[in-house]
Every structure is written in C-alpha cells, then in structure tokens.
Amino acid sequence: IAKPGISLPGLNGCVHALKTMVKSQGLQRLYRGVGTMFMACIPSHAAYFSLYEYSKAKLGANQPGHHPLAAATSGVVSTLAHDSIMTPMDTVKQRLQLGYYRGIRHCVMHMARHEGFSAFYVALPTTLLMNLPFGAIMVTSNESLKTLLTGPSGERDIFTYLAAGSGAGAIAAAATTPLDMIKTRLQTQHMSAQVGSSMGSVAVMSSGAGGGSG
C-alpha cells in the first residue's frame, strides 16, 4: 500500500479542517479522488434522471393533484439504479481521500488483488439503506412542500421551488446522516489494519537499524 497522507492534528469544525488541510497539503488535497466522481457521475446520474422521469410518468406522479406514494416510489427506483453504479467508485474516492494510494488505478488494482471484488460493494447495503429512504423522503417532501406552498391561484414561482427543495433536502439529510457515517466506516474498514501493519513494519526496521548501529 502507498505511503499514507500527512496526518493532521485534531480538527475543530469544517472551516478549521479546510484551513489545516490547505496549509499542510495544498489546495489540490481537497480534490483528491475527484477523478472517480467524474467517471461515475455521468452514467449514474443519467440512469437516475432517466428512471426518475420514466417512473413518474408510469406511476402517475405527474398527474394533477398530490401523489406522494408515486413520487416516493419513483425516488426509490431511480436511487437504486444510481447507487448500483456510484457505490464502487465512491469507495475508491473515500480511500483516495485518505491518502493511501497513488491514484485510481493503483487503488482499484490493490483492492481487487488483496480484498476481492466484493470490497467495492461492501457498503452497498448500507448505502441503499441510507439512500433509498433519502430518495423517497426527499422526493415526497419536495412534492408535498410544493403543494403546501402553492397559493390559491395554483401558480408557483422560483421561491416556491427553492423553499420546497431546501426543506426536502434538510428533512432527508437529518433522517439519514447517521447511516452515512456507518457507510464511510464500512468503506474504509480495512485501512486501519493495513496502516497498523505498515507502521509495525516501520517500527521493526527502526529497531533493527538502532541495534545494528549500537
């Protein structure tokens, strides 16, 4: 495994973490792993929005009135397709962000050789457990808030969409954030063992070098 990234001191919040990382490792450290997202986002989001619109049309969510169940089902179907494509590359991204690999190819080859193909999907059940409710809650909340915020005239302006989207995102995030923490731990669970092994080897080599000089 490649040499781990520079260890950082205790971080106190998002702003402190941002300043510390940029100061110690440069601005490019914030974009480590971004290549995996470019590779995954195009097919995953194409699948998401295609299936979302198709499901809404088939299930009647586009019909006049309030159809929360149809909207929720559309969100679940599209999220399932999206996460099946995104999860393997998200796992690679998480590991690259920790700084233990030279690049995407090195990370993928190392994982496949030492952990097996299943390592790329180890977090998929937790990801789906988090994102399927997230998709259902967000879409349903968005549609419900749009209906609630629409005036008697039935017309909606940009502020209605902004308020409904913001509220839906906040509700869905609050409901699923704890599962996101579990997902991240699953995706990086082998890293602590590998780092511990590497550090142990360094300690033994250092001890041997010290003994030889004596």
C-alpha atoms as a PDB file:
ATOM      1  CA  ILE A   1       0.000   0.000   0.000  1.00  0.00           C
ATOM      2  CA  ALA A   2       1.224   3.509  -0.703  1.00  0.00           C
ATOM      3  CA  LYS A   3       2.547   5.798   1.972  1.00  0.00           C
ATOM      4  CA  PRO A   4      -0.364   7.345   3.872  1.00  0.00           C
ATOM      5  CA  GLY A   5      -1.096  11.031   3.624  1.00  0.00           C
ATOM      6  CA  ILE A   6       0.166  13.568   6.108  1.00  0.00           C
ATOM      7  CA  SER A   7      -1.550  13.082   9.450  1.00  0.00           C
ATOM      8  CA  LEU A   8      -3.458  16.102  10.650  1.00  0.00           C
ATOM      9  CA  PRO A   9      -3.911  17.403  14.184  1.00  0.00           C
ATOM     10  CA  GLY A  10      -7.298  17.442  15.857  1.00  0.00           C
ATOM     11  CA  LEU A  11      -9.789  19.276  13.681  1.00  0.00           C
ATOM     12  CA  ASN A  12     -12.431  21.550  15.123  1.00  0.00           C
ATOM     13  CA  GLY A  13     -15.135  22.005  12.556  1.00  0.00           C
ATOM     14  CA  CYS A  14     -15.354  22.378   8.788  1.00  0.00           C
ATOM     15  CA  VAL A  15     -13.549  25.738   8.492  1.00  0.00           C
ATOM     16  CA  HIS A  16     -10.637  24.614  10.678  1.00  0.00           C
ATOM     17  CA  ALA A  17     -10.340  21.361   8.719  1.00  0.00           C
ATOM     18  CA  LEU A  18     -10.320  23.295   5.434  1.00  0.00           C
ATOM     19  CA  LYS A  19      -7.607  25.710   6.583  1.00  0.00           C
ATOM     20  CA  THR A  20      -5.473  22.940   8.082  1.00  0.00           C
ATOM     21  CA  MET A  21      -5.606  20.717   5.003  1.00  0.00           C
ATOM     22  CA  VAL A  22      -4.826  23.538   2.577  1.00  0.00           C
ATOM     23  CA  LYS A  23      -1.993  24.828   4.742  1.00  0.00           C
ATOM     24  CA  SER A  24      -0.334  21.432   5.259  1.00  0.00           C
ATOM     25  CA  GLN A  25      -1.004  19.729   1.910  1.00  0.00           C
ATOM     26  CA  GLY A  26      -2.049  22.395  -0.582  1.00  0.00           C
ATOM     27  CA  LEU A  27      -5.284  23.189  -2.368  1.00  0.00           C
ATOM     28  CA  GLN A  28      -5.041  20.087  -4.552  1.00  0.00           C
ATOM     29  CA  ARG A  29      -5.588  17.899  -1.454  1.00  0.00           C
ATOM     30  CA  LEU A  30      -9.230  18.986  -1.434  1.00  0.00           C
ATOM     31  CA  TYR A  31      -9.720  17.460  -4.881  1.00  0.00           C
ATOM     32  CA  ARG A  32      -8.087  14.104  -4.287  1.00  0.00           C
ATOM     33  CA  GLY A  33     -10.383  11.440  -5.695  1.00  0.00           C
ATOM     34  CA  VAL A  34     -12.352  13.861  -7.881  1.00  0.00           C
ATOM     35  CA  GLY A  35     -11.489  11.804 -10.969  1.00  0.00           C
ATOM     36  CA  THR A  36     -13.560   8.907  -9.673  1.00  0.00           C
ATOM     37  CA  MET A  37     -16.583  11.166  -9.388  1.00  0.00           C
ATOM     38  CA  PHE A  38     -16.251  12.343 -12.984  1.00  0.00           C
ATOM     39  CA  MET A  39     -16.105   8.733 -14.118  1.00  0.00           C
ATOM     40  CA  ALA A  40     -19.111   7.661 -12.039  1.00  0.00           C
ATOM     41  CA  CYS A  41     -21.394  10.695 -12.137  1.00  0.00           C
ATOM     42  CA  ILE A  42     -22.132  10.650 -15.856  1.00  0.00           C
ATOM     43  CA  PRO A  43     -23.622   7.124 -16.074  1.00  0.00           C
ATOM     44  CA  SER A  44     -25.134   7.143 -12.572  1.00  0.00           C
ATOM     45  CA  HIS A  45     -26.954  10.455 -12.975  1.00  0.00           C
ATOM     46  CA  ALA A  46     -28.048   9.568 -16.486  1.00  0.00           C
ATOM     47  CA  ALA A  47     -29.649   6.437 -15.037  1.00  0.00           C
ATOM     48  CA  TYR A  48     -31.117   8.362 -12.089  1.00  0.00           C
ATOM     49  CA  PHE A  49     -32.919  11.088 -14.004  1.00  0.00           C
ATOM     50  CA  SER A  50     -33.986   8.813 -16.840  1.00  0.00           C
ATOM     51  CA  LEU A  51     -35.610   6.311 -14.492  1.00  0.00           C
ATOM     52  CA  TYR A  52     -36.994   9.074 -12.264  1.00  0.00           C
ATOM     53  CA  GLU A  53     -38.884  10.737 -15.109  1.00  0.00           C
ATOM     54  CA  TYR A  54     -39.940   7.392 -16.587  1.00  0.00           C
ATOM     55  CA  SER A  55     -41.243   6.152 -13.225  1.00  0.00           C
ATOM     56  CA  LYS A  56     -43.110   9.370 -12.518  1.00  0.00           C
ATOM     57  CA  ALA A  57     -44.865   9.142 -15.870  1.00  0.00           C
ATOM     58  CA  LYS A  58     -45.723   5.449 -15.451  1.00  0.00           C
ATOM     59  CA  LEU A  59     -46.869   5.748 -11.834  1.00  0.00           C
ATOM     60  CA  GLY A  60     -48.931   8.881 -12.326  1.00  0.00           C
ATOM     61  CA  ALA A  61     -46.830  11.240 -10.237  1.00  0.00           C
ATOM     62  CA  ASN A  62     -47.061  13.867 -12.993  1.00  0.00           C
ATOM     63  CA  GLN A  63     -50.840  13.903 -12.920  1.00  0.00           C
ATOM     64  CA  PRO A  64     -52.666  16.870 -11.331  1.00  0.00           C
ATOM     65  CA  GLY A  65     -53.031  16.557  -7.576  1.00  0.00           C
ATOM     66  CA  HIS A  66     -50.881  15.244  -4.755  1.00  0.00           C
ATOM     67  CA  HIS A  67     -49.335  11.784  -5.300  1.00  0.00           C
ATOM     68  CA  PRO A  68     -46.750  11.207  -2.536  1.00  0.00           C
ATOM     69  CA  LEU A  69     -46.632   7.402  -2.894  1.00  0.00           C
ATOM     70  CA  ALA A  70     -45.957   7.574  -6.629  1.00  0.00           C
ATOM     71  CA  ALA A  71     -43.288  10.221  -6.070  1.00  0.00           C
ATOM     72  CA  ALA A  72     -41.632   8.174  -3.309  1.00  0.00           C
ATOM     73  CA  THR A  73     -41.588   5.038  -5.474  1.00  0.00           C
ATOM     74  CA  SER A  74     -40.014   6.987  -8.334  1.00  0.00           C
ATOM     75  CA  GLY A  75     -37.333   8.231  -5.963  1.00  0.00           C
ATOM     76  CA  VAL A  76     -36.576   4.716  -4.747  1.00  0.00           C
ATOM     77  CA  VAL A  77     -36.331   3.205  -8.253  1.00  0.00           C
ATOM     78  CA  SER A  78     -34.024   5.934  -9.557  1.00  0.00           C
ATOM     79  CA  THR A  79     -31.848   5.865  -6.432  1.00  0.00           C
ATOM     80  CA  LEU A  80     -31.394   2.095  -6.691  1.00  0.00           C
ATOM     81  CA  ALA A  81     -30.019   2.434 -10.218  1.00  0.00           C
ATOM     82  CA  HIS A  82     -27.834   5.398  -9.278  1.00  0.00           C
ATOM     83  CA  ASP A  83     -26.243   3.764  -6.240  1.00  0.00           C
ATOM     84  CA  SER A  84     -25.529   0.488  -8.017  1.00  0.00           C
ATOM     85  CA  ILE A  85     -23.268   2.440 -10.370  1.00  0.00           C
ATOM     86  CA  MET A  86     -21.909   5.023  -7.935  1.00  0.00           C
ATOM     87  CA  THR A  87     -21.017   2.887  -4.902  1.00  0.00           C
ATOM     88  CA  PRO A  88     -17.856   1.179  -6.257  1.00  0.00           C
ATOM     89  CA  MET A  89     -16.335   4.485  -7.364  1.00  0.00           C
ATOM     90  CA  ASP A  90     -17.405   6.184  -4.148  1.00  0.00           C
ATOM     91  CA  THR A  91     -15.471   3.532  -2.236  1.00  0.00           C
ATOM     92  CA  VAL A  92     -12.381   4.291  -4.325  1.00  0.00           C
ATOM     93  CA  LYS A  93     -12.888   8.011  -3.759  1.00  0.00           C
ATOM     94  CA  GLN A  94     -13.122   7.576   0.014  1.00  0.00           C
ATOM     95  CA  ARG A  95      -9.839   5.675   0.085  1.00  0.00           C
ATOM     96  CA  LEU A  96      -8.059   8.127  -2.176  1.00  0.00           C
ATOM     97  CA  GLN A  97      -9.159  10.966   0.082  1.00  0.00           C
ATOM     98  CA  LEU A  98      -7.466   9.226   2.992  1.00  0.00           C
ATOM     99  CA  GLY A  99      -4.208   9.451   1.013  1.00  0.00           C
ATOM    100  CA  TYR A 100      -3.173   5.774   0.973  1.00  0.00           C
ATOM    101  CA  TYR A 101      -2.940   5.208  -2.796  1.00  0.00           C
ATOM    102  CA  ARG A 102      -1.091   6.795  -5.681  1.00  0.00           C
ATOM    103  CA  GLY A 103      -4.183   7.092  -7.871  1.00  0.00           C
ATOM    104  CA  ILE A 104      -7.366   5.477  -9.132  1.00  0.00           C
ATOM    105  CA  ARG A 105      -5.673   2.605 -10.957  1.00  0.00           C
ATOM    106  CA  HIS A 106      -3.427   1.768  -8.004  1.00  0.00           C
ATOM    107  CA  CYS A 107      -6.368   1.792  -5.603  1.00  0.00           C
ATOM    108  CA  VAL A 108      -8.580  -0.391  -7.818  1.00  0.00           C
ATOM    109  CA  MET A 109      -5.830  -2.918  -8.504  1.00  0.00           C
ATOM    110  CA  HIS A 110      -4.812  -3.133  -4.841  1.00  0.00           C
ATOM    111  CA  MET A 111      -8.400  -3.619  -3.660  1.00  0.00           C
ATOM    112  CA  ALA A 112      -9.135  -6.266  -6.293  1.00  0.00           C
ATOM    113  CA  ARG A 113      -5.941  -8.178  -5.560  1.00  0.00           C
ATOM    114  CA  HIS A 114      -5.987  -8.084  -1.757  1.00  0.00           C
ATOM    115  CA  GLU A 115      -9.662  -7.729  -0.815  1.00  0.00           C
ATOM    116  CA  GLY A 116     -11.575  -9.121  -3.762  1.00  0.00           C
ATOM    117  CA  PHE A 117     -14.283  -7.696  -5.987  1.00  0.00           C
ATOM    118  CA  SER A 118     -16.778  -7.660  -3.131  1.00  0.00           C
ATOM    119  CA  ALA A 119     -14.780  -4.889  -1.427  1.00  0.00           C
ATOM    120  CA  PHE A 120     -16.159  -2.417  -3.961  1.00  0.00           C
ATOM    121  CA  TYR A 121     -19.717  -3.233  -2.896  1.00  0.00           C
ATOM    122  CA  VAL A 122     -19.254  -3.846   0.823  1.00  0.00           C
ATOM    123  CA  ALA A 123     -21.057  -0.604   1.625  1.00  0.00           C
ATOM    124  CA  LEU A 124     -23.868  -1.072  -0.918  1.00  0.00           C
ATOM    125  CA  PRO A 125     -26.417  -2.497   1.568  1.00  0.00           C
ATOM    126  CA  THR A 126     -25.798   0.393   3.970  1.00  0.00           C
ATOM    127  CA  THR A 127     -25.742   2.871   1.097  1.00  0.00           C
ATOM    128  CA  LEU A 128     -29.122   1.622  -0.096  1.00  0.00           C
ATOM    129  CA  LEU A 129     -30.425   1.546   3.466  1.00  0.00           C
ATOM    130  CA  MET A 130     -29.497   5.228   3.657  1.00  0.00           C
ATOM    131  CA  ASN A 131     -30.177   6.482   0.140  1.00  0.00           C
ATOM    132  CA  LEU A 132     -33.424   4.673  -0.633  1.00  0.00           C
ATOM    133  CA  PRO A 133     -35.181   6.340   2.313  1.00  0.00           C
ATOM    134  CA  PHE A 134     -33.318   9.559   1.459  1.00  0.00           C
ATOM    135  CA  GLY A 135     -34.597   9.493  -2.120  1.00  0.00           C
ATOM    136  CA  ALA A 136     -38.123   8.611  -1.055  1.00  0.00           C
ATOM    137  CA  ILE A 137     -38.225  11.231   1.713  1.00  0.00           C
ATOM    138  CA  MET A 138     -36.647  13.965  -0.398  1.00  0.00           C
ATOM    139  CA  VAL A 139     -38.899  13.490  -3.422  1.00  0.00           C
ATOM    140  CA  THR A 140     -42.045  13.108  -1.324  1.00  0.00           C
ATOM    141  CA  SER A 141     -41.152  16.112   0.852  1.00  0.00           C
ATOM    142  CA  ASN A 142     -40.392  18.214  -2.199  1.00  0.00           C
ATOM    143  CA  GLU A 143     -43.704  17.408  -3.854  1.00  0.00           C
ATOM    144  CA  SER A 144     -45.621  17.881  -0.592  1.00  0.00           C
ATOM    145  CA  LEU A 145     -43.939  21.200   0.222  1.00  0.00           C
ATOM    146  CA  LYS A 146     -44.598  22.484  -3.295  1.00  0.00           C
ATOM    147  CA  THR A 147     -48.275  21.663  -2.843  1.00  0.00           C
ATOM    148  CA  LEU A 148     -48.332  23.260   0.602  1.00  0.00           C
ATOM    149  CA  LEU A 149     -46.570  26.427  -0.545  1.00  0.00           C
ATOM    150  CA  THR A 150     -48.636  26.899  -3.705  1.00  0.00           C
ATOM    151  CA  GLY A 151     -51.149  29.715  -3.403  1.00  0.00           C
ATOM    152  CA  PRO A 152     -54.855  29.621  -4.298  1.00  0.00           C
ATOM    153  CA  SER A 153     -54.036  30.609  -7.873  1.00  0.00           C
ATOM    154  CA  GLY A 154     -52.082  27.382  -8.351  1.00  0.00           C
ATOM    155  CA  GLU A 155     -49.082  29.231  -9.738  1.00  0.00           C
ATOM    156  CA  ARG A 156     -45.561  28.515  -8.492  1.00  0.00           C
ATOM    157  CA  ASP A 157     -42.583  30.831  -8.683  1.00  0.00           C
ATOM    158  CA  ILE A 158     -38.855  30.276  -8.194  1.00  0.00           C
ATOM    159  CA  PHE A 159     -39.115  30.914  -4.448  1.00  0.00           C
ATOM    160  CA  THR A 160     -41.640  28.088  -4.086  1.00  0.00           C
ATOM    161  CA  TYR A 161     -39.228  25.668  -5.738  1.00  0.00           C
ATOM    162  CA  LEU A 162     -36.268  26.942  -3.703  1.00  0.00           C
ATOM    163  CA  ALA A 163     -38.134  26.644  -0.411  1.00  0.00           C
ATOM    164  CA  ALA A 164     -39.528  23.201  -1.224  1.00  0.00           C
ATOM    165  CA  GLY A 165     -36.162  21.884  -2.407  1.00  0.00           C
ATOM    166  CA  SER A 166     -34.303  23.279   0.606  1.00  0.00           C
ATOM    167  CA  GLY A 167     -36.820  21.890   3.048  1.00  0.00           C
ATOM    168  CA  ALA A 168     -36.867  18.483   1.366  1.00  0.00           C
ATOM    169  CA  GLY A 169     -33.075  18.240   1.417  1.00  0.00           C
ATOM    170  CA  ALA A 170     -32.903  19.224   5.081  1.00  0.00           C
ATOM    171  CA  ILE A 171     -35.546  16.697   6.113  1.00  0.00           C
ATOM    172  CA  ALA A 172     -33.938  13.854   4.161  1.00  0.00           C
ATOM    173  CA  ALA A 173     -30.417  14.662   5.386  1.00  0.00           C
ATOM    174  CA  ALA A 174     -31.490  14.800   9.028  1.00  0.00           C
ATOM    175  CA  ALA A 175     -33.116  11.386   8.690  1.00  0.00           C
ATOM    176  CA  THR A 176     -30.181   9.607   7.031  1.00  0.00           C
ATOM    177  CA  THR A 177     -26.908  11.227   8.205  1.00  0.00           C
ATOM    178  CA  PRO A 178     -26.201   8.578  10.906  1.00  0.00           C
ATOM    179  CA  LEU A 179     -26.255   5.873   8.232  1.00  0.00           C
ATOM    180  CA  ASP A 180     -23.773   7.861   6.146  1.00  0.00           C
ATOM    181  CA  MET A 181     -21.262   7.573   8.994  1.00  0.00           C
ATOM    182  CA  ILE A 182     -21.741   3.790   9.070  1.00  0.00           C
ATOM    183  CA  LYS A 183     -21.277   3.629   5.276  1.00  0.00           C
ATOM    184  CA  THR A 184     -17.972   5.515   5.440  1.00  0.00           C
ATOM    185  CA  ARG A 185     -16.650   3.236   8.188  1.00  0.00           C
ATOM    186  CA  LEU A 186     -17.529   0.160   6.122  1.00  0.00           C
ATOM    187  CA  GLN A 187     -15.827   1.549   3.018  1.00  0.00           C
ATOM    188  CA  THR A 188     -12.579   2.246   4.886  1.00  0.00           C
ATOM    189  CA  GLN A 189     -12.610  -0.554   7.477  1.00  0.00           C
ATOM    190  CA  HIS A 190      -9.539  -2.342   6.050  1.00  0.00           C
ATOM    191  CA  MET A 191      -7.433   0.787   6.102  1.00  0.00           C
ATOM    192  CA  SER A 192      -6.709   0.782   9.849  1.00  0.00           C
ATOM    193  CA  ALA A 193      -5.415  -2.795   9.717  1.00  0.00           C
ATOM    194  CA  GLN A 194      -3.217  -2.049   6.712  1.00  0.00           C
ATOM    195  CA  VAL A 195      -1.859   1.121   8.251  1.00  0.00           C
ATOM    196  CA  GLY A 196      -1.207  -0.661  11.544  1.00  0.00           C
ATOM    197  CA  SER A 197       0.717  -3.377   9.708  1.00  0.00           C
ATOM    198  CA  SER A 198       2.740  -0.782   7.802  1.00  0.00           C
ATOM    199  CA  MET A 199       3.550   1.154  10.962  1.00  0.00           C
ATOM    200  CA  GLY A 200       4.570  -2.069  12.710  1.00  0.00           C
ATOM    201  CA  SER A 201       6.989  -2.878   9.906  1.00  0.00           C
ATOM    202  CA  VAL A 202       8.491   0.598  10.155  1.00  0.00           C
ATOM    203  CA  ALA A 203       8.943   0.181  13.911  1.00  0.00           C
ATOM    204  CA  VAL A 204      10.704  -3.176  13.486  1.00  0.00           C
ATOM    205  CA  MET A 205      13.016  -1.758  10.821  1.00  0.00           C
ATOM    206  CA  SER A 206      13.830   1.226  13.008  1.00  0.00           C
ATOM    207  CA  SER A 207      14.551  -1.029  15.969  1.00  0.00           C
ATOM    208  CA  GLY A 208      16.817  -3.223  13.839  1.00  0.00           C
ATOM    209  CA  ALA A 209      18.706  -0.225  12.496  1.00  0.00           C
ATOM    210  CA  GLY A 210      19.203   1.132  16.008  1.00  0.00           C
ATOM    211  CA  GLY A 211      20.506  -2.217  17.257  1.00  0.00           C
ATOM    212  CA  GLY A 212      22.961  -2.521  14.367  1.00  0.00           C
ATOM    213  CA  SER A 213      24.430   0.914  15.000  1.00  0.00           C
ATOM    214  CA  GLY A 214      24.972   0.045  18.671  1.00  0.00           C
END
